[in-house]
Amino acid sequence: MDSLEQIKYPIGRYQAPSEFTPQLINGWIAAIEALPSWLDPCIENLDEAQLEVPYRDGGWNSRQVIHHIADSHMNAYIRLKLALTEDNPTIKPYDENKWAVLDDVESVPVNVSITLVHALHRRWVAQLRSLSDSDWERTYFHPEQNKSVPIWQMTALYAWHGRHHMEQIRTLRERMSW
């Protein structure tokens, strides 16, 4: 992996699993549960100037990454609830790059999104832990991907997603010696 690829994808690109087992599900839930506590030390004692430094040339800064995690994971949680309460509902995609430059990302302190992620992940994990074996196969339809996504695949993706972005911030701190 070249250095730009390593900076963009510090834990590697997402590789969708082809199946799920109770052990995999437990690992994915554990990663979703742990993310808020992983994020806390990543941003601890960063000042406003440090939060403005992009994790790579042309990439988002840490402030944008933190707010993106909150936005993305809120969408994932809603998609989970839709999949559990409707028959293969069509979800609403969004343009994450446009969301990353909206005023709230600039004006709201990252601690607000960190607090939101703590609360959201607590509810998300509680819901995931309550799923029956058949619930894991429930789906939503993603119109941009033109496919139905089962809950187990979404859970795997977001377990990776949180860690992926957390590592972007953590490795930036490491490279910058903060």
Protein backbone atom coordinates (compact mmCIF):
# COMPACT_ATOMS: atom_id res chain seq x y z
CA MET A 1 0.00 0.00 0.00
CA ASP A 2 1.47 3.36 -1.00
CA SER A 3 1.65 6.19 1.52
CA LEU A 4 -1.38 8.12 0.18
CA GLU A 5 -3.44 4.93 0.21
CA GLN A 6 -2.23 4.25 3.78
CA ILE A 7 -3.19 7.77 4.87
CA LYS A 8 -6.63 7.56 3.20
CA TYR A 9 -7.33 4.02 4.41
CA PRO A 10 -5.21 3.43 7.52
CA ILE A 11 -7.01 0.14 8.25
CA GLY A 12 -7.35 -0.79 4.57
CA ARG A 13 -10.29 -0.38 2.23
CA TYR A 14 -13.57 -1.90 3.28
CA GLN A 15 -13.93 -5.52 2.26
CA ALA A 16 -17.52 -6.67 2.48
CA PRO A 17 -17.92 -10.05 4.12
CA SER A 18 -19.74 -12.70 2.11
CA GLU A 19 -21.42 -14.23 5.14
CA PHE A 20 -22.02 -13.66 8.82
CA THR A 21 -21.68 -15.71 11.96
CA PRO A 22 -22.58 -14.94 15.56
CA GLN A 23 -18.87 -14.35 16.25
CA LEU A 24 -18.58 -11.83 13.39
CA ILE A 25 -21.75 -10.06 14.50
CA ASN A 26 -20.46 -9.83 18.07
CA GLY A 27 -17.20 -8.33 16.80
CA TRP A 28 -19.01 -5.76 14.66
CA ILE A 29 -21.26 -4.77 17.54
CA ALA A 30 -18.23 -4.50 19.83
CA ALA A 31 -16.53 -2.12 17.36
CA ILE A 32 -19.65 0.05 17.11
CA GLU A 33 -19.93 0.07 20.90
CA ALA A 34 -16.26 0.99 21.37
CA LEU A 35 -16.09 3.80 18.81
CA PRO A 36 -17.12 6.64 21.15
CA SER A 37 -14.42 5.67 23.65
CA TRP A 38 -11.89 5.41 20.80
CA LEU A 39 -12.78 8.89 19.55
CA ASP A 40 -12.38 10.61 22.92
CA PRO A 41 -8.56 10.33 23.09
CA CYS A 42 -8.28 11.12 19.37
CA ILE A 43 -9.56 14.63 19.88
CA GLU A 44 -8.48 15.18 23.47
CA ASN A 45 -6.58 18.47 23.88
CA LEU A 46 -6.70 19.35 20.18
CA ASP A 47 -7.05 23.10 19.69
CA GLU A 48 -9.06 24.79 16.93
CA ALA A 49 -6.03 25.13 14.65
CA GLN A 50 -5.23 21.43 14.97
CA LEU A 51 -8.86 20.49 14.24
CA GLU A 52 -8.55 22.44 10.96
CA VAL A 53 -5.62 20.37 9.65
CA PRO A 54 -6.76 17.90 6.97
CA TYR A 55 -5.79 14.30 7.60
CA ARG A 56 -4.41 14.31 4.02
CA ASP A 57 -3.98 16.80 1.17
CA GLY A 58 -7.42 17.46 -0.27
CA GLY A 59 -9.11 15.55 2.56
CA TRP A 60 -11.39 16.58 5.35
CA ASN A 61 -10.05 18.06 8.54
CA SER A 62 -10.61 16.38 11.91
CA ARG A 63 -13.58 18.63 12.68
CA GLN A 64 -15.28 17.54 9.45
CA VAL A 65 -14.45 13.89 10.08
CA ILE A 66 -15.97 13.96 13.58
CA HIS A 67 -19.16 15.66 12.39
CA HIS A 68 -19.29 13.23 9.43
CA ILE A 69 -19.17 10.25 11.77
CA ALA A 70 -22.17 11.64 13.67
CA ASP A 71 -24.08 12.37 10.43
CA SER A 72 -23.27 9.03 8.85
CA HIS A 73 -24.00 6.96 11.91
CA MET A 74 -27.31 8.77 12.51
CA ASN A 75 -28.29 7.79 8.97
CA ALA A 76 -27.20 4.20 9.60
CA TYR A 77 -29.25 3.99 12.79
CA ILE A 78 -32.34 5.31 11.00
CA ARG A 79 -31.76 2.83 8.17
CA LEU A 80 -31.59 0.02 10.72
CA LYS A 81 -34.89 1.06 12.26
CA LEU A 82 -36.51 1.38 8.83
CA ALA A 83 -35.29 -2.08 7.86
CA LEU A 84 -36.71 -3.51 11.09
CA THR A 85 -40.12 -1.87 10.69
CA GLU A 86 -40.74 -1.85 6.94
CA ASP A 87 -40.41 -4.35 4.10
CA ASN A 88 -37.18 -3.50 2.22
CA PRO A 89 -37.67 0.28 2.47
CA THR A 90 -35.88 2.54 0.01
CA ILE A 91 -33.47 4.72 1.97
CA LYS A 92 -32.51 8.30 1.18
CA PRO A 93 -28.87 8.68 0.14
CA TYR A 94 -27.13 11.97 0.89
CA ASP A 95 -24.07 13.80 -0.40
CA GLU A 96 -21.58 13.50 2.45
CA ASN A 97 -19.20 16.00 0.85
CA LYS A 98 -21.91 18.68 0.75
CA TRP A 99 -22.92 17.85 4.32
CA ALA A 100 -19.26 18.26 5.40
CA VAL A 101 -19.24 21.93 4.39
CA LEU A 102 -22.60 22.98 5.86
CA ASP A 103 -22.52 25.72 8.48
CA ASP A 104 -23.18 23.45 11.46
CA VAL A 105 -19.96 21.54 10.71
CA GLU A 106 -18.06 24.82 10.84
CA SER A 107 -19.84 26.44 13.78
CA VAL A 108 -20.69 23.63 16.21
CA PRO A 109 -17.87 22.34 18.46
CA VAL A 110 -16.77 18.76 17.79
CA ASN A 111 -17.63 17.86 21.39
CA VAL A 112 -21.30 18.16 20.45
CA SER A 113 -20.93 15.46 17.79
CA ILE A 114 -18.81 13.33 20.12
CA THR A 115 -21.59 13.51 22.72
CA LEU A 116 -24.13 12.66 20.04
CA VAL A 117 -22.05 9.64 18.95
CA HIS A 118 -21.87 8.43 22.57
CA ALA A 119 -25.67 8.59 22.94
CA LEU A 120 -26.43 7.30 19.47
CA HIS A 121 -24.10 4.31 19.75
CA ARG A 122 -25.62 3.34 23.07
CA ARG A 123 -29.06 3.11 21.46
CA TRP A 124 -27.70 1.53 18.27
CA VAL A 125 -25.87 -1.21 20.19
CA ALA A 126 -28.93 -1.90 22.36
CA GLN A 127 -31.03 -2.36 19.22
CA LEU A 128 -28.41 -4.55 17.52
CA ARG A 129 -28.11 -6.76 20.58
CA SER A 130 -31.87 -7.30 20.61
CA LEU A 131 -32.08 -8.63 17.05
CA SER A 132 -33.35 -12.14 16.40
CA ASP A 133 -31.53 -14.43 13.98
CA SER A 134 -34.04 -13.61 11.24
CA ASP A 135 -33.76 -9.84 11.84
CA TRP A 136 -30.15 -9.88 10.60
CA GLU A 137 -31.46 -10.80 7.13
CA ARG A 138 -33.92 -7.89 6.96
CA THR A 139 -32.97 -5.35 4.29
CA TYR A 140 -33.29 -1.83 3.03
CA PHE A 141 -32.94 -0.83 -0.62
CA HIS A 142 -30.07 1.52 -1.51
CA PRO A 143 -31.05 3.30 -4.75
CA GLU A 144 -27.53 4.53 -5.60
CA GLN A 145 -26.16 1.00 -5.28
CA ASN A 146 -29.33 -0.48 -6.82
CA LYS A 147 -29.37 -3.29 -4.29
CA SER A 148 -30.95 -4.46 -1.08
CA VAL A 149 -28.60 -4.36 1.90
CA PRO A 150 -29.15 -6.77 4.79
CA ILE A 151 -28.71 -5.49 8.34
CA TRP A 152 -25.72 -7.77 8.90
CA GLN A 153 -23.86 -6.20 5.95
CA MET A 154 -24.69 -2.69 7.12
CA THR A 155 -23.42 -3.57 10.60
CA ALA A 156 -20.14 -4.86 9.18
CA LEU A 157 -19.73 -1.71 7.08
CA TYR A 158 -20.31 0.67 9.98
CA ALA A 159 -18.03 -1.27 12.32
CA TRP A 160 -15.32 -0.64 9.72
CA HIS A 161 -16.46 2.94 8.99
CA GLY A 162 -16.08 4.23 12.52
CA ARG A 163 -12.68 2.68 13.01
CA HIS A 164 -11.57 3.90 9.55
CA HIS A 165 -12.27 7.55 10.39
CA MET A 166 -11.01 7.28 13.96
CA GLU A 167 -7.69 5.98 12.61
CA GLN A 168 -7.47 8.88 10.14
CA ILE A 169 -7.51 11.28 13.08
CA ARG A 170 -5.30 9.13 15.30
CA THR A 171 -2.65 8.68 12.61
CA LEU A 172 -2.75 12.42 11.79
CA ARG A 173 -1.98 13.15 15.45
CA GLU A 174 0.82 10.62 15.32
CA ARG A 175 2.34 12.10 12.11
CA MET A 176 2.06 15.62 13.52
CA SER A 177 3.41 14.60 16.97
CA TRP A 178 0.44 16.18 18.78
